[in-house]
Amino acid sequence: MKKSFLKLWGMPILLAVLSLFGLIAALLGEGWLDLLGWLALSVPLVLIIRNYYK
């Protein structure tokens, strides 16, 4: 059961956590934290675009 749960929900949960980190980092941080937030928010976008054109 656990293996099928992670197989189904692993990537969406990872992308949600990454997006949440990126939003919080971009809102609260300055300097390098803004850069980390920008990079964290761009990862889901890149993955969506890559899978769309696959």
C-alpha atoms as a PDB file:
ATOM      1  CA  MET A   1       0.000   0.000   0.000  1.00  0.00           C
ATOM      2  CA  LYS A   2       2.751   2.452   0.910  1.00  0.00           C
ATOM      3  CA  LYS A   3       4.648   1.790  -2.301  1.00  0.00           C
ATOM      4  CA  SER A   4       1.612   2.492  -4.476  1.00  0.00           C
ATOM      5  CA  PHE A   5       0.839   5.650  -2.460  1.00  0.00           C
ATOM      6  CA  LEU A   6       4.321   7.052  -3.047  1.00  0.00           C
ATOM      7  CA  LYS A   7       4.266   6.008  -6.683  1.00  0.00           C
ATOM      8  CA  LEU A   8       1.013   7.896  -7.234  1.00  0.00           C
ATOM      9  CA  TRP A   9       1.500  10.924  -4.967  1.00  0.00           C
ATOM     10  CA  GLY A  10       5.290  11.211  -4.609  1.00  0.00           C
ATOM     11  CA  MET A  11       5.953  13.702  -7.383  1.00  0.00           C
ATOM     12  CA  PRO A  12       2.907  15.944  -6.725  1.00  0.00           C
ATOM     13  CA  ILE A  13       3.809  16.144  -3.037  1.00  0.00           C
ATOM     14  CA  LEU A  14       7.437  16.945  -3.873  1.00  0.00           C
ATOM     15  CA  LEU A  15       6.387  19.682  -6.319  1.00  0.00           C
ATOM     16  CA  ALA A  16       3.958  21.137  -3.765  1.00  0.00           C
ATOM     17  CA  VAL A  17       6.638  21.270  -1.061  1.00  0.00           C
ATOM     18  CA  LEU A  18       9.110  22.805  -3.507  1.00  0.00           C
ATOM     19  CA  SER A  19       6.554  25.417  -4.575  1.00  0.00           C
ATOM     20  CA  LEU A  20       5.685  26.240  -0.985  1.00  0.00           C
ATOM     21  CA  PHE A  21       9.363  26.662  -0.135  1.00  0.00           C
ATOM     22  CA  GLY A  22       9.839  28.887  -3.179  1.00  0.00           C
ATOM     23  CA  LEU A  23       6.892  31.118  -2.292  1.00  0.00           C
ATOM     24  CA  ILE A  24       7.945  31.498   1.327  1.00  0.00           C
ATOM     25  CA  ALA A  25      11.586  32.105   0.410  1.00  0.00           C
ATOM     26  CA  ALA A  26      10.670  34.725  -2.189  1.00  0.00           C
ATOM     27  CA  LEU A  27       8.307  36.541   0.165  1.00  0.00           C
ATOM     28  CA  LEU A  28      10.439  36.537   3.296  1.00  0.00           C
ATOM     29  CA  GLY A  29      13.978  36.562   2.000  1.00  0.00           C
ATOM     30  CA  GLU A  30      16.284  38.981   0.304  1.00  0.00           C
ATOM     31  CA  GLY A  31      19.322  38.474  -1.858  1.00  0.00           C
ATOM     32  CA  TRP A  32      20.300  34.824  -2.210  1.00  0.00           C
ATOM     33  CA  LEU A  33      17.003  33.673  -0.673  1.00  0.00           C
ATOM     34  CA  ASP A  34      15.162  35.427  -3.523  1.00  0.00           C
ATOM     35  CA  LEU A  35      17.310  33.476  -5.955  1.00  0.00           C
ATOM     36  CA  LEU A  36      16.523  30.189  -4.181  1.00  0.00           C
ATOM     37  CA  GLY A  37      12.824  31.045  -4.269  1.00  0.00           C
ATOM     38  CA  TRP A  38      12.988  31.845  -7.967  1.00  0.00           C
ATOM     39  CA  LEU A  39      14.787  28.585  -8.706  1.00  0.00           C
ATOM     40  CA  ALA A  40      12.388  26.548  -6.553  1.00  0.00           C
ATOM     41  CA  LEU A  41       9.378  28.044  -8.331  1.00  0.00           C
ATOM     42  CA  SER A  42      10.873  27.446 -11.761  1.00  0.00           C
ATOM     43  CA  VAL A  43      11.407  23.694 -11.242  1.00  0.00           C
ATOM     44  CA  PRO A  44       7.687  22.744 -11.451  1.00  0.00           C
ATOM     45  CA  LEU A  45       7.275  24.989 -14.487  1.00  0.00           C
ATOM     46  CA  VAL A  46      10.219  23.365 -16.269  1.00  0.00           C
ATOM     47  CA  LEU A  47       8.891  19.890 -15.481  1.00  0.00           C
ATOM     48  CA  ILE A  48       5.417  20.791 -16.770  1.00  0.00           C
ATOM     49  CA  ILE A  49       6.831  22.177 -20.016  1.00  0.00           C
ATOM     50  CA  ARG A  50       9.148  19.170 -20.449  1.00  0.00           C
ATOM     51  CA  ASN A  51       6.318  16.683 -19.962  1.00  0.00           C
ATOM     52  CA  TYR A  52       3.959  18.654 -22.202  1.00  0.00           C
ATOM     53  CA  TYR A  53       6.310  18.417 -25.182  1.00  0.00           C
ATOM     54  CA  LYS A  54       7.323  14.821 -24.456  1.00  0.00           C
END
